[in-house]
Amino acid sequence: MSAEELAGYIDHTLLKPEAVESQFDKLCDEAVKYKFKSVCVNSGWVPYVAKKLRGTGVLVCSVIGFPLGEMDSRSKAFEARTAISNGANELDMVINVGALKSRNLKLVEEDIRAIKRACRSNTILKVIIETSLLTEDEKVLACEISKKADADFVKTSTGFMGGGATVEDIALMRRIVGPKIGVKASGGIKDFNQAVAMIRAGANRIGSGSSVAVITGGTAQGY
């Protein structure tokens, strides 16, 4: 796989709460230069990056319920609708991990469905299951519920809870969701070989705050 091919898999990511406007300018400029799939930002920055990226072909991805996923579903849905209205093409929502661990599976599913209902027909919904906090059985459940709730992707991690994407988790998630749902690897992906290994294991999207280093071999930064 070439660096140019890999760039098309990447959500170029900046989710740090202390990030400033100039960093988002750089994020967007890099995304256009290297032809990344999208930029991924907190919902408050969606209007800014959507304006900068208009007409470039780079998509706008907003996280929802980030990074904990523990807020009320109606609040998540409101954030989702607002992000879409402001220009988001894709949403990366955080699952309710506590509900999953409590085996309140109906709540987990309804939480995902609430965001799905907020989506437009062409909005891509990715569900962050936070693999570092889950047992293997819980990872399976999270993937099964996400699939049942009509998510477009399952995603490993926020990058804020320790751990991150592993080849083993990607292979497991791909096995559970099958070929028709996307799998996004995120959290700790900092070089080319690591990213390609995730794709070979079954990922068809990569999230990284070190995207430029991933495709150029430079010094990695970010989550």
N, C-alpha and C. Protein backbone atom coordinates (compact mmCIF):
# COMPACT_ATOMS: atom_id res chain seq x y z
N MET A 1 0.84 -1.20 0.00
CA MET A 1 0.00 0.00 0.00
C MET A 1 0.88 1.25 0.00
N SER A 2 0.55 2.19 -0.87
CA SER A 2 1.31 3.43 -0.94
C SER A 2 0.83 4.42 0.11
N ALA A 3 1.65 5.42 0.37
CA ALA A 3 1.26 6.48 1.30
C ALA A 3 0.01 7.20 0.80
N GLU A 4 -0.09 7.40 -0.50
CA GLU A 4 -1.25 8.08 -1.07
C GLU A 4 -2.52 7.26 -0.87
N GLU A 5 -2.42 5.96 -1.03
CA GLU A 5 -3.58 5.09 -0.80
C GLU A 5 -3.97 5.10 0.67
N LEU A 6 -2.98 5.03 1.55
CA LEU A 6 -3.26 5.03 2.99
C LEU A 6 -3.96 6.32 3.42
N ALA A 7 -3.57 7.45 2.85
CA ALA A 7 -4.16 8.73 3.23
C ALA A 7 -5.68 8.72 3.08
N GLY A 8 -6.18 8.01 2.09
CA GLY A 8 -7.61 7.95 1.86
C GLY A 8 -8.38 7.17 2.91
N TYR A 9 -7.68 6.48 3.79
CA TYR A 9 -8.31 5.76 4.90
C TYR A 9 -8.38 6.60 6.18
N ILE A 10 -7.70 7.73 6.22
CA ILE A 10 -7.40 8.39 7.49
C ILE A 10 -8.35 9.53 7.82
N ASP A 11 -8.88 9.50 9.06
CA ASP A 11 -9.55 10.64 9.67
C ASP A 11 -8.49 11.42 10.45
N HIS A 12 -8.11 12.57 9.92
CA HIS A 12 -7.05 13.41 10.52
C HIS A 12 -7.66 14.12 11.73
N THR A 13 -7.12 13.85 12.91
CA THR A 13 -7.85 14.08 14.15
C THR A 13 -7.19 15.10 15.07
N LEU A 14 -8.04 15.98 15.64
CA LEU A 14 -7.60 16.92 16.67
C LEU A 14 -8.74 17.08 17.67
N LEU A 15 -8.57 16.46 18.84
CA LEU A 15 -9.62 16.44 19.85
C LEU A 15 -9.17 16.99 21.20
N LYS A 16 -7.97 17.52 21.25
CA LYS A 16 -7.45 18.05 22.51
C LYS A 16 -8.26 19.27 22.95
N PRO A 17 -8.66 19.33 24.21
CA PRO A 17 -9.48 20.47 24.66
C PRO A 17 -8.75 21.80 24.63
N GLU A 18 -7.41 21.76 24.66
CA GLU A 18 -6.63 23.00 24.67
C GLU A 18 -6.25 23.46 23.26
N ALA A 19 -6.70 22.74 22.23
CA ALA A 19 -6.34 23.10 20.85
C ALA A 19 -6.90 24.47 20.49
N VAL A 20 -6.11 25.25 19.73
CA VAL A 20 -6.47 26.62 19.37
C VAL A 20 -6.69 26.72 17.86
N GLU A 21 -7.21 27.88 17.45
CA GLU A 21 -7.64 28.07 16.06
C GLU A 21 -6.53 27.77 15.05
N SER A 22 -5.32 28.20 15.35
CA SER A 22 -4.23 27.98 14.40
C SER A 22 -3.96 26.49 14.19
N GLN A 23 -4.21 25.67 15.21
CA GLN A 23 -4.02 24.23 15.06
C GLN A 23 -5.07 23.63 14.13
N PHE A 24 -6.29 24.18 14.19
CA PHE A 24 -7.33 23.69 13.28
C PHE A 24 -7.08 24.16 11.85
N ASP A 25 -6.49 25.35 11.70
CA ASP A 25 -6.08 25.79 10.37
C ASP A 25 -5.07 24.80 9.78
N LYS A 26 -4.09 24.42 10.59
CA LYS A 26 -3.07 23.48 10.15
C LYS A 26 -3.68 22.11 9.85
N LEU A 27 -4.59 21.66 10.70
CA LEU A 27 -5.27 20.38 10.50
C LEU A 27 -5.94 20.34 9.14
N CYS A 28 -6.69 21.39 8.82
CA CYS A 28 -7.41 21.44 7.55
C CYS A 28 -6.45 21.54 6.37
N ASP A 29 -5.43 22.35 6.50
CA ASP A 29 -4.44 22.49 5.42
C ASP A 29 -3.76 21.15 5.13
N GLU A 30 -3.41 20.43 6.18
CA GLU A 30 -2.77 19.12 6.00
C GLU A 30 -3.73 18.12 5.36
N ALA A 31 -4.98 18.17 5.79
CA ALA A 31 -5.97 17.24 5.24
C ALA A 31 -6.14 17.44 3.74
N VAL A 32 -6.16 18.68 3.32
CA VAL A 32 -6.27 18.98 1.89
C VAL A 32 -4.99 18.58 1.15
N LYS A 33 -3.85 18.93 1.72
CA LYS A 33 -2.57 18.64 1.06
C LYS A 33 -2.37 17.14 0.85
N TYR A 34 -2.65 16.34 1.88
CA TYR A 34 -2.37 14.91 1.81
C TYR A 34 -3.58 14.08 1.39
N LYS A 35 -4.73 14.74 1.20
CA LYS A 35 -5.96 14.08 0.75
C LYS A 35 -6.44 13.03 1.73
N PHE A 36 -6.45 13.42 3.03
CA PHE A 36 -7.04 12.55 4.04
C PHE A 36 -8.55 12.44 3.82
N LYS A 37 -9.14 11.37 4.31
CA LYS A 37 -10.57 11.15 4.14
C LYS A 37 -11.40 12.24 4.82
N SER A 38 -11.03 12.58 6.05
CA SER A 38 -11.78 13.59 6.80
C SER A 38 -10.88 14.25 7.82
N VAL A 39 -11.40 15.30 8.42
CA VAL A 39 -10.87 15.79 9.69
C VAL A 39 -11.88 15.44 10.77
N CYS A 40 -11.40 15.07 11.94
CA CYS A 40 -12.26 14.67 13.06
C CYS A 40 -12.01 15.62 14.22
N VAL A 41 -13.07 16.31 14.65
CA VAL A 41 -12.95 17.36 15.67
C VAL A 41 -14.11 17.26 16.66
N ASN A 42 -13.97 17.96 17.78
CA ASN A 42 -15.10 18.12 18.68
C ASN A 42 -16.18 18.96 18.02
N SER A 43 -17.43 18.77 18.44
CA SER A 43 -18.56 19.37 17.72
C SER A 43 -18.51 20.90 17.70
N GLY A 44 -17.92 21.51 18.72
CA GLY A 44 -17.84 22.97 18.75
C GLY A 44 -16.99 23.56 17.64
N TRP A 45 -16.09 22.75 17.07
CA TRP A 45 -15.22 23.22 15.99
C TRP A 45 -15.74 22.87 14.60
N VAL A 46 -16.87 22.18 14.54
CA VAL A 46 -17.41 21.78 13.24
C VAL A 46 -17.68 22.97 12.32
N PRO A 47 -18.35 24.04 12.79
CA PRO A 47 -18.60 25.16 11.86
C PRO A 47 -17.32 25.74 11.28
N TYR A 48 -16.28 25.83 12.09
CA TYR A 48 -15.03 26.43 11.66
C TYR A 48 -14.36 25.58 10.58
N VAL A 49 -14.23 24.27 10.84
CA VAL A 49 -13.52 23.43 9.87
C VAL A 49 -14.39 23.18 8.63
N ALA A 50 -15.71 23.12 8.80
CA ALA A 50 -16.58 22.92 7.64
C ALA A 50 -16.45 24.08 6.66
N LYS A 51 -16.33 25.28 7.18
CA LYS A 51 -16.16 26.45 6.32
C LYS A 51 -14.83 26.39 5.58
N LYS A 52 -13.77 26.00 6.31
CA LYS A 52 -12.44 25.95 5.70
C LYS A 52 -12.35 24.84 4.64
N LEU A 53 -13.09 23.77 4.83
CA LEU A 53 -12.95 22.61 3.94
C LEU A 53 -13.98 22.58 2.82
N ARG A 54 -14.88 23.55 2.79
CA ARG A 54 -15.92 23.55 1.77
C ARG A 54 -15.32 23.51 0.37
N GLY A 55 -15.77 22.54 -0.42
CA GLY A 55 -15.31 22.44 -1.79
C GLY A 55 -14.00 21.69 -1.99
N THR A 56 -13.41 21.18 -0.91
CA THR A 56 -12.11 20.51 -1.02
C THR A 56 -12.23 19.00 -1.23
N GLY A 57 -13.38 18.44 -0.90
CA GLY A 57 -13.54 16.99 -0.95
C GLY A 57 -13.19 16.29 0.34
N VAL A 58 -12.61 17.02 1.30
CA VAL A 58 -12.31 16.44 2.62
C VAL A 58 -13.58 16.51 3.48
N LEU A 59 -13.96 15.39 4.07
CA LEU A 59 -15.16 15.33 4.88
C LEU A 59 -14.91 15.88 6.28
N VAL A 60 -16.02 16.22 6.96
CA VAL A 60 -15.96 16.70 8.34
C VAL A 60 -16.60 15.64 9.24
N CYS A 61 -15.85 15.19 10.22
CA CYS A 61 -16.31 14.21 11.19
C CYS A 61 -16.35 14.85 12.57
N SER A 62 -17.47 14.71 13.26
CA SER A 62 -17.62 15.25 14.62
C SER A 62 -17.77 14.11 15.62
N VAL A 63 -17.05 14.19 16.73
CA VAL A 63 -17.32 13.26 17.83
C VAL A 63 -18.58 13.70 18.56
N ILE A 64 -19.26 12.73 19.15
CA ILE A 64 -20.51 12.97 19.87
C ILE A 64 -20.45 12.27 21.22
N GLY A 65 -20.83 13.00 22.28
CA GLY A 65 -20.78 12.40 23.62
C GLY A 65 -19.37 12.09 24.05
N PHE A 66 -18.46 12.91 23.63
CA PHE A 66 -17.03 12.63 23.77
C PHE A 66 -16.44 13.32 25.01
N PRO A 67 -15.54 12.63 25.74
CA PRO A 67 -15.01 11.29 25.51
C PRO A 67 -15.66 10.19 26.35
N LEU A 68 -16.61 10.54 27.22
CA LEU A 68 -17.11 9.56 28.20
C LEU A 68 -18.32 8.77 27.72
N GLY A 69 -19.19 9.38 26.93
CA GLY A 69 -20.38 8.70 26.44
C GLY A 69 -21.48 8.51 27.45
N GLU A 70 -21.37 9.16 28.59
CA GLU A 70 -22.29 8.87 29.69
C GLU A 70 -23.47 9.83 29.81
N MET A 71 -23.58 10.79 28.88
CA MET A 71 -24.69 11.72 28.98
C MET A 71 -25.98 11.12 28.45
N ASP A 72 -27.09 11.81 28.76
CA ASP A 72 -28.41 11.41 28.33
C ASP A 72 -28.46 11.29 26.79
N SER A 73 -29.19 10.30 26.31
CA SER A 73 -29.28 10.07 24.87
C SER A 73 -29.84 11.27 24.13
N ARG A 74 -30.79 11.97 24.75
CA ARG A 74 -31.36 13.15 24.10
C ARG A 74 -30.31 14.23 23.93
N SER A 75 -29.41 14.34 24.89
CA SER A 75 -28.33 15.32 24.78
C SER A 75 -27.38 14.95 23.65
N LYS A 76 -27.06 13.67 23.54
CA LYS A 76 -26.22 13.21 22.44
C LYS A 76 -26.90 13.49 21.10
N ALA A 77 -28.20 13.20 21.02
CA ALA A 77 -28.92 13.40 19.77
C ALA A 77 -28.96 14.88 19.39
N PHE A 78 -29.13 15.75 20.39
CA PHE A 78 -29.11 17.18 20.11
C PHE A 78 -27.75 17.62 19.58
N GLU A 79 -26.68 17.11 20.21
CA GLU A 79 -25.33 17.42 19.73
C GLU A 79 -25.14 16.92 18.30
N ALA A 80 -25.67 15.73 18.02
CA ALA A 80 -25.54 15.15 16.68
C ALA A 80 -26.26 16.01 15.65
N ARG A 81 -27.50 16.39 15.93
CA ARG A 81 -28.26 17.20 14.98
C ARG A 81 -27.58 18.55 14.74
N THR A 82 -27.05 19.13 15.82
CA THR A 82 -26.37 20.42 15.69
C THR A 82 -25.11 20.29 14.84
N ALA A 83 -24.35 19.23 15.08
CA ALA A 83 -23.12 19.02 14.32
C ALA A 83 -23.43 18.84 12.83
N ILE A 84 -24.45 18.07 12.53
CA ILE A 84 -24.84 17.85 11.13
C ILE A 84 -25.29 19.16 10.50
N SER A 85 -26.11 19.91 11.22
CA SER A 85 -26.57 21.20 10.71
C SER A 85 -25.40 22.15 10.44
N ASN A 86 -24.35 22.02 11.22
CA ASN A 86 -23.18 22.90 11.09
C ASN A 86 -22.18 22.39 10.05
N GLY A 87 -22.45 21.24 9.45
CA GLY A 87 -21.59 20.79 8.37
C GLY A 87 -20.92 19.44 8.52
N ALA A 88 -21.22 18.69 9.59
CA ALA A 88 -20.60 17.37 9.77
C ALA A 88 -21.19 16.36 8.81
N ASN A 89 -20.33 15.60 8.15
CA ASN A 89 -20.74 14.51 7.27
C ASN A 89 -20.76 13.16 7.98
N GLU A 90 -19.95 13.07 9.03
CA GLU A 90 -19.82 11.82 9.77
C GLU A 90 -19.82 12.11 11.26
N LEU A 91 -20.31 11.15 12.04
CA LEU A 91 -20.36 11.27 13.50
C LEU A 91 -19.68 10.06 14.13
N ASP A 92 -18.82 10.32 15.11
CA ASP A 92 -18.21 9.25 15.91
C ASP A 92 -18.74 9.38 17.33
N MET A 93 -19.73 8.57 17.68
CA MET A 93 -20.36 8.66 19.00
C MET A 93 -19.73 7.65 19.96
N VAL A 94 -19.71 8.02 21.24
CA VAL A 94 -19.18 7.13 22.27
C VAL A 94 -20.32 6.34 22.89
N ILE A 95 -20.15 5.04 22.92
CA ILE A 95 -21.14 4.15 23.52
C ILE A 95 -21.27 4.42 25.02
N ASN A 96 -22.40 4.05 25.59
CA ASN A 96 -22.58 4.13 27.04
C ASN A 96 -21.93 2.89 27.67
N VAL A 97 -20.66 3.04 28.04
CA VAL A 97 -19.88 1.90 28.52
C VAL A 97 -20.44 1.34 29.83
N GLY A 98 -20.84 2.23 30.73
CA GLY A 98 -21.38 1.77 32.01
C GLY A 98 -22.63 0.94 31.84
N ALA A 99 -23.50 1.34 30.91
CA ALA A 99 -24.72 0.57 30.65
C ALA A 99 -24.37 -0.80 30.07
N LEU A 100 -23.38 -0.84 29.18
CA LEU A 100 -22.95 -2.12 28.62
C LEU A 100 -22.44 -3.04 29.71
N LYS A 101 -21.59 -2.52 30.59
CA LYS A 101 -21.03 -3.33 31.66
C LYS A 101 -22.09 -3.75 32.68
N SER A 102 -23.16 -2.98 32.78
CA SER A 102 -24.28 -3.33 33.66
C SER A 102 -25.24 -4.31 32.99
N ARG A 103 -24.94 -4.67 31.75
CA ARG A 103 -25.77 -5.53 30.92
C ARG A 103 -27.15 -4.91 30.65
N ASN A 104 -27.21 -3.59 30.66
CA ASN A 104 -28.43 -2.90 30.24
C ASN A 104 -28.34 -2.69 28.73
N LEU A 105 -28.49 -3.77 28.01
CA LEU A 105 -28.23 -3.77 26.57
C LEU A 105 -29.29 -2.99 25.80
N LYS A 106 -30.51 -2.96 26.34
CA LYS A 106 -31.56 -2.18 25.69
C LYS A 106 -31.20 -0.70 25.69
N LEU A 107 -30.65 -0.21 26.81
CA LEU A 107 -30.25 1.20 26.89
C LEU A 107 -29.12 1.49 25.89
N VAL A 108 -28.15 0.57 25.81
CA VAL A 108 -27.04 0.76 24.87
C VAL A 108 -27.56 0.86 23.45
N GLU A 109 -28.44 -0.05 23.10
CA GLU A 109 -28.98 -0.04 21.73
C GLU A 109 -29.80 1.22 21.46
N GLU A 110 -30.66 1.60 22.40
CA GLU A 110 -31.49 2.79 22.20
C GLU A 110 -30.66 4.06 22.13
N ASP A 111 -29.55 4.08 22.85
CA ASP A 111 -28.64 5.23 22.80
C ASP A 111 -28.07 5.39 21.39
N ILE A 112 -27.65 4.28 20.80
CA ILE A 112 -27.13 4.33 19.43
C ILE A 112 -28.25 4.71 18.46
N ARG A 113 -29.41 4.12 18.64
CA ARG A 113 -30.53 4.41 17.73
C ARG A 113 -30.95 5.89 17.81
N ALA A 114 -30.82 6.48 18.98
CA ALA A 114 -31.18 7.90 19.12
C ALA A 114 -30.30 8.76 18.23
N ILE A 115 -29.02 8.42 18.15
CA ILE A 115 -28.12 9.18 17.27
C ILE A 115 -28.38 8.84 15.81
N LYS A 116 -28.67 7.58 15.54
CA LYS A 116 -28.98 7.18 14.16
C LYS A 116 -30.20 7.95 13.65
N ARG A 117 -31.21 8.13 14.49
CA ARG A 117 -32.39 8.88 14.08
C ARG A 117 -32.06 10.35 13.80
N ALA A 118 -31.05 10.86 14.48
CA ALA A 118 -30.65 12.25 14.26
C ALA A 118 -29.88 12.44 12.97
N CYS A 119 -29.40 11.35 12.40
CA CYS A 119 -28.58 11.42 11.18
C CYS A 119 -29.44 11.66 9.95
N ARG A 120 -28.84 12.30 8.97
CA ARG A 120 -29.45 12.37 7.65
C ARG A 120 -29.16 11.08 6.90
N SER A 121 -29.81 10.90 5.76
CA SER A 121 -29.66 9.64 5.02
C SER A 121 -28.22 9.39 4.57
N ASN A 122 -27.46 10.48 4.38
CA ASN A 122 -26.08 10.32 3.91
C ASN A 122 -25.04 10.52 5.01
N THR A 123 -25.49 10.60 6.27
CA THR A 123 -24.55 10.75 7.39
C THR A 123 -24.00 9.38 7.78
N ILE A 124 -22.70 9.31 7.97
CA ILE A 124 -22.05 8.07 8.42
C ILE A 124 -21.95 8.10 9.95
N LEU A 125 -22.45 7.03 10.59
CA LEU A 125 -22.40 6.92 12.05
C LEU A 125 -21.42 5.84 12.47
N LYS A 126 -20.42 6.24 13.25
CA LYS A 126 -19.44 5.31 13.81
C LYS A 126 -19.67 5.24 15.32
N VAL A 127 -19.60 4.05 15.88
CA VAL A 127 -19.83 3.83 17.31
C VAL A 127 -18.51 3.45 17.98
N ILE A 128 -18.06 4.30 18.88
CA ILE A 128 -16.82 4.06 19.63
C ILE A 128 -17.14 3.16 20.81
N ILE A 129 -16.56 1.96 20.84
CA ILE A 129 -16.91 1.01 21.90
C ILE A 129 -15.92 1.05 23.07
N GLU A 130 -14.83 1.74 22.94
CA GLU A 130 -13.81 1.91 23.99
C GLU A 130 -13.27 0.56 24.45
N THR A 131 -12.54 -0.08 23.56
CA THR A 131 -12.06 -1.45 23.77
C THR A 131 -11.20 -1.62 25.01
N SER A 132 -10.44 -0.60 25.39
CA SER A 132 -9.53 -0.74 26.53
C SER A 132 -10.28 -0.92 27.85
N LEU A 133 -11.57 -0.60 27.87
CA LEU A 133 -12.36 -0.74 29.10
C LEU A 133 -13.22 -2.00 29.11
N LEU A 134 -13.15 -2.79 28.04
CA LEU A 134 -14.06 -3.92 27.89
C LEU A 134 -13.35 -5.26 27.94
N THR A 135 -14.07 -6.26 28.44
CA THR A 135 -13.62 -7.64 28.30
C THR A 135 -13.89 -8.09 26.86
N GLU A 136 -13.36 -9.24 26.50
CA GLU A 136 -13.60 -9.73 25.14
C GLU A 136 -15.08 -9.97 24.90
N ASP A 137 -15.78 -10.54 25.89
CA ASP A 137 -17.23 -10.76 25.74
C ASP A 137 -17.97 -9.44 25.56
N GLU A 138 -17.54 -8.41 26.27
CA GLU A 138 -18.18 -7.10 26.15
C GLU A 138 -17.90 -6.46 24.79
N LYS A 139 -16.71 -6.69 24.26
CA LYS A 139 -16.40 -6.20 22.90
C LYS A 139 -17.34 -6.84 21.88
N VAL A 140 -17.56 -8.12 22.04
CA VAL A 140 -18.47 -8.83 21.14
C VAL A 140 -19.88 -8.26 21.26
N LEU A 141 -20.35 -8.08 22.48
CA LEU A 141 -21.69 -7.51 22.70
C LEU A 141 -21.80 -6.13 22.08
N ALA A 142 -20.80 -5.29 22.30
CA ALA A 142 -20.84 -3.92 21.79
C ALA A 142 -20.93 -3.92 20.27
N CYS A 143 -20.19 -4.81 19.63
CA CYS A 143 -20.24 -4.89 18.16
C CYS A 143 -21.59 -5.42 17.69
N GLU A 144 -22.10 -6.42 18.36
CA GLU A 144 -23.40 -6.98 17.97
C GLU A 144 -24.51 -5.95 18.11
N ILE A 145 -24.49 -5.19 19.21
CA ILE A 145 -25.52 -4.17 19.43
C ILE A 145 -25.39 -3.05 18.41
N SER A 146 -24.17 -2.63 18.12
CA SER A 146 -23.96 -1.56 17.13
C SER A 146 -24.49 -1.98 15.76
N LYS A 147 -24.23 -3.22 15.41
CA LYS A 147 -24.73 -3.75 14.13
C LYS A 147 -26.26 -3.79 14.13
N LYS A 148 -26.84 -4.24 15.21
CA LYS A 148 -28.29 -4.32 15.32
C LYS A 148 -28.94 -2.95 15.23
N ALA A 149 -28.25 -1.94 15.77
CA ALA A 149 -28.78 -0.57 15.79
C ALA A 149 -28.48 0.20 14.51
N ASP A 150 -27.96 -0.48 13.50
CA ASP A 150 -27.73 0.10 12.17
C ASP A 150 -26.59 1.12 12.12
N ALA A 151 -25.59 0.94 12.96
CA ALA A 151 -24.39 1.77 12.84
C ALA A 151 -23.69 1.44 11.53
N ASP A 152 -22.97 2.43 11.00
CA ASP A 152 -22.21 2.22 9.76
C ASP A 152 -20.81 1.69 10.03
N PHE A 153 -20.28 2.00 11.22
CA PHE A 153 -18.94 1.57 11.62
C PHE A 153 -18.96 1.25 13.11
N VAL A 154 -18.05 0.39 13.53
CA VAL A 154 -17.63 0.32 14.93
C VAL A 154 -16.19 0.82 14.99
N LYS A 155 -15.86 1.45 16.10
CA LYS A 155 -14.56 2.10 16.26
C LYS A 155 -13.97 1.70 17.60
N THR A 156 -12.67 1.51 17.65
CA THR A 156 -12.02 0.97 18.84
C THR A 156 -12.08 1.90 20.04
N SER A 157 -11.63 3.15 19.88
CA SER A 157 -11.25 3.93 21.06
C SER A 157 -11.42 5.43 20.86
N THR A 158 -11.56 6.11 22.00
CA THR A 158 -11.49 7.58 21.99
C THR A 158 -10.05 8.06 21.96
N GLY A 159 -9.13 7.23 22.47
CA GLY A 159 -7.75 7.65 22.65
C GLY A 159 -7.51 8.36 23.96
N PHE A 160 -8.57 8.50 24.78
CA PHE A 160 -8.47 9.24 26.03
C PHE A 160 -8.49 8.33 27.25
N MET A 161 -8.67 7.03 27.06
CA MET A 161 -8.86 6.13 28.20
C MET A 161 -7.72 5.14 28.37
N GLY A 162 -6.58 5.42 27.76
CA GLY A 162 -5.49 4.46 27.81
C GLY A 162 -5.71 3.37 26.78
N GLY A 163 -4.68 2.60 26.54
CA GLY A 163 -4.80 1.57 25.53
C GLY A 163 -4.93 2.19 24.15
N GLY A 164 -5.69 1.57 23.31
CA GLY A 164 -5.86 2.05 21.94
C GLY A 164 -6.12 0.87 21.03
N ALA A 165 -5.98 1.11 19.73
CA ALA A 165 -6.26 0.06 18.77
C ALA A 165 -5.20 -1.03 18.79
N THR A 166 -5.64 -2.27 18.68
CA THR A 166 -4.74 -3.41 18.51
C THR A 166 -5.21 -4.22 17.31
N VAL A 167 -4.27 -4.92 16.70
CA VAL A 167 -4.60 -5.79 15.58
C VAL A 167 -5.60 -6.86 16.01
N GLU A 168 -5.43 -7.36 17.23
CA GLU A 168 -6.32 -8.41 17.72
C GLU A 168 -7.76 -7.91 17.86
N ASP A 169 -7.91 -6.70 18.38
CA ASP A 169 -9.27 -6.14 18.52
C ASP A 169 -9.90 -5.87 17.16
N ILE A 170 -9.11 -5.36 16.23
CA ILE A 170 -9.64 -5.11 14.89
C ILE A 170 -10.12 -6.40 14.25
N ALA A 171 -9.34 -7.46 14.36
CA ALA A 171 -9.73 -8.75 13.79
C ALA A 171 -11.01 -9.27 14.44
N LEU A 172 -11.12 -9.13 15.77
CA LEU A 172 -12.33 -9.55 16.48
C LEU A 172 -13.53 -8.75 16.02
N MET A 173 -13.39 -7.43 15.96
CA MET A 173 -14.51 -6.57 15.57
C MET A 173 -14.96 -6.89 14.15
N ARG A 174 -14.00 -7.08 13.24
CA ARG A 174 -14.36 -7.43 11.86
C ARG A 174 -15.11 -8.76 11.81
N ARG A 175 -14.65 -9.72 12.59
CA ARG A 175 -15.31 -11.03 12.60
C ARG A 175 -16.75 -10.91 13.07
N ILE A 176 -16.99 -10.08 14.08
CA ILE A 176 -18.34 -9.97 14.65
C ILE A 176 -19.27 -9.17 13.75
N VAL A 177 -18.82 -8.06 13.19
CA VAL A 177 -19.74 -7.22 12.39
C VAL A 177 -19.88 -7.70 10.96
N GLY A 178 -18.95 -8.52 10.47
CA GLY A 178 -19.04 -9.01 9.11
C GLY A 178 -18.52 -8.01 8.10
N PRO A 179 -18.74 -8.28 6.82
CA PRO A 179 -18.12 -7.48 5.77
C PRO A 179 -18.84 -6.18 5.41
N LYS A 180 -20.06 -6.00 5.85
CA LYS A 180 -20.86 -4.87 5.37
C LYS A 180 -20.77 -3.64 6.25
N ILE A 181 -20.21 -3.76 7.44
CA ILE A 181 -20.07 -2.63 8.37
C ILE A 181 -18.60 -2.27 8.47
N GLY A 182 -18.32 -0.97 8.57
CA GLY A 182 -16.95 -0.53 8.67
C GLY A 182 -16.35 -0.76 10.05
N VAL A 183 -15.03 -0.85 10.10
CA VAL A 183 -14.28 -0.94 11.35
C VAL A 183 -13.22 0.15 11.33
N LYS A 184 -13.24 1.01 12.35
CA LYS A 184 -12.26 2.09 12.44
C LYS A 184 -11.30 1.82 13.58
N ALA A 185 -10.02 1.86 13.26
CA ALA A 185 -8.96 1.71 14.26
C ALA A 185 -8.50 3.09 14.69
N SER A 186 -8.51 3.34 15.99
CA SER A 186 -8.06 4.65 16.49
C SER A 186 -7.49 4.48 17.88
N GLY A 187 -6.58 5.40 18.22
CA GLY A 187 -5.92 5.36 19.51
C GLY A 187 -4.53 4.79 19.40
N GLY A 188 -3.52 5.67 19.42
CA GLY A 188 -2.14 5.23 19.46
C GLY A 188 -1.54 4.83 18.12
N ILE A 189 -2.18 5.16 17.01
CA ILE A 189 -1.64 4.80 15.69
C ILE A 189 -0.71 5.91 15.24
N LYS A 190 0.58 5.61 15.18
CA LYS A 190 1.59 6.66 15.00
C LYS A 190 2.58 6.41 13.87
N ASP A 191 2.47 5.26 13.15
CA ASP A 191 3.39 5.06 12.03
C ASP A 191 2.72 4.25 10.92
N PHE A 192 3.37 4.26 9.77
CA PHE A 192 2.84 3.66 8.55
C PHE A 192 2.56 2.17 8.73
N ASN A 193 3.54 1.43 9.23
CA ASN A 193 3.40 -0.02 9.35
C ASN A 193 2.28 -0.40 10.30
N GLN A 194 2.12 0.37 11.37
CA GLN A 194 1.04 0.12 12.33
C GLN A 194 -0.31 0.32 11.66
N ALA A 195 -0.45 1.39 10.89
CA ALA A 195 -1.71 1.66 10.20
C ALA A 195 -2.04 0.58 9.18
N VAL A 196 -1.04 0.17 8.41
CA VAL A 196 -1.26 -0.86 7.40
C VAL A 196 -1.64 -2.19 8.06
N ALA A 197 -1.03 -2.50 9.21
CA ALA A 197 -1.37 -3.72 9.93
C ALA A 197 -2.82 -3.72 10.36
N MET A 198 -3.33 -2.56 10.76
CA MET A 198 -4.74 -2.45 11.14
C MET A 198 -5.65 -2.72 9.94
N ILE A 199 -5.28 -2.18 8.80
CA ILE A 199 -6.08 -2.39 7.59
C ILE A 199 -6.06 -3.86 7.19
N ARG A 200 -4.91 -4.47 7.26
CA ARG A 200 -4.80 -5.90 6.92
C ARG A 200 -5.61 -6.77 7.88
N ALA A 201 -5.77 -6.30 9.12
CA ALA A 201 -6.55 -7.05 10.10
C ALA A 201 -8.05 -6.87 9.93
N GLY A 202 -8.45 -5.87 9.12
CA GLY A 202 -9.88 -5.69 8.87
C GLY A 202 -10.39 -4.27 8.96
N ALA A 203 -9.55 -3.31 9.34
CA ALA A 203 -9.99 -1.91 9.43
C ALA A 203 -10.14 -1.32 8.03
N ASN A 204 -11.15 -0.49 7.86
CA ASN A 204 -11.24 0.28 6.62
C ASN A 204 -11.33 1.78 6.88
N ARG A 205 -10.98 2.16 8.11
CA ARG A 205 -10.77 3.57 8.43
C ARG A 205 -9.76 3.62 9.57
N ILE A 206 -8.93 4.66 9.57
CA ILE A 206 -7.91 4.88 10.58
C ILE A 206 -8.12 6.27 11.17
N GLY A 207 -8.13 6.38 12.48
CA GLY A 207 -8.17 7.68 13.14
C GLY A 207 -6.84 7.95 13.80
N SER A 208 -6.26 9.13 13.52
CA SER A 208 -4.96 9.44 14.11
C SER A 208 -4.75 10.94 14.20
N GLY A 209 -4.14 11.36 15.29
CA GLY A 209 -3.67 12.72 15.43
C GLY A 209 -2.24 12.88 14.92
N SER A 210 -1.68 11.78 14.42
CA SER A 210 -0.31 11.77 13.90
C SER A 210 -0.31 11.40 12.42
N SER A 211 -1.35 11.80 11.72
CA SER A 211 -1.58 11.32 10.35
C SER A 211 -0.45 11.66 9.41
N VAL A 212 0.11 12.87 9.51
CA VAL A 212 1.18 13.26 8.60
C VAL A 212 2.40 12.37 8.82
N ALA A 213 2.75 12.13 10.09
CA ALA A 213 3.86 11.23 10.39
C ALA A 213 3.57 9.81 9.91
N VAL A 214 2.32 9.38 10.02
CA VAL A 214 1.95 8.03 9.58
C VAL A 214 2.26 7.83 8.10
N ILE A 215 1.99 8.82 7.27
CA ILE A 215 2.18 8.62 5.83
C ILE A 215 3.53 9.13 5.31
N THR A 216 4.25 9.90 6.14
CA THR A 216 5.54 10.45 5.68
C THR A 216 6.73 9.90 6.43
N GLY A 217 6.49 9.23 7.56
CA GLY A 217 7.59 8.71 8.36
C GLY A 217 8.22 9.75 9.27
N GLY A 218 7.50 10.85 9.52
CA GLY A 218 8.01 11.90 10.39
C GLY A 218 7.81 11.58 11.86
N THR A 219 7.97 12.61 12.70
CA THR A 219 7.81 12.46 14.14
C THR A 219 6.33 12.50 14.51
N ALA A 220 5.88 11.48 15.24
CA ALA A 220 4.46 11.35 15.58
C ALA A 220 4.10 12.25 16.74
N GLN A 221 2.93 12.87 16.61
CA GLN A 221 2.35 13.65 17.69
C GLN A 221 0.87 13.31 17.77
N GLY A 222 0.21 13.77 18.82
CA GLY A 222 -1.23 13.57 18.92
C GLY A 222 -1.57 12.22 19.48
N TYR A 223 -2.89 11.93 19.48
CA TYR A 223 -3.35 10.68 20.10
C TYR A 223 -3.32 9.54 19.10
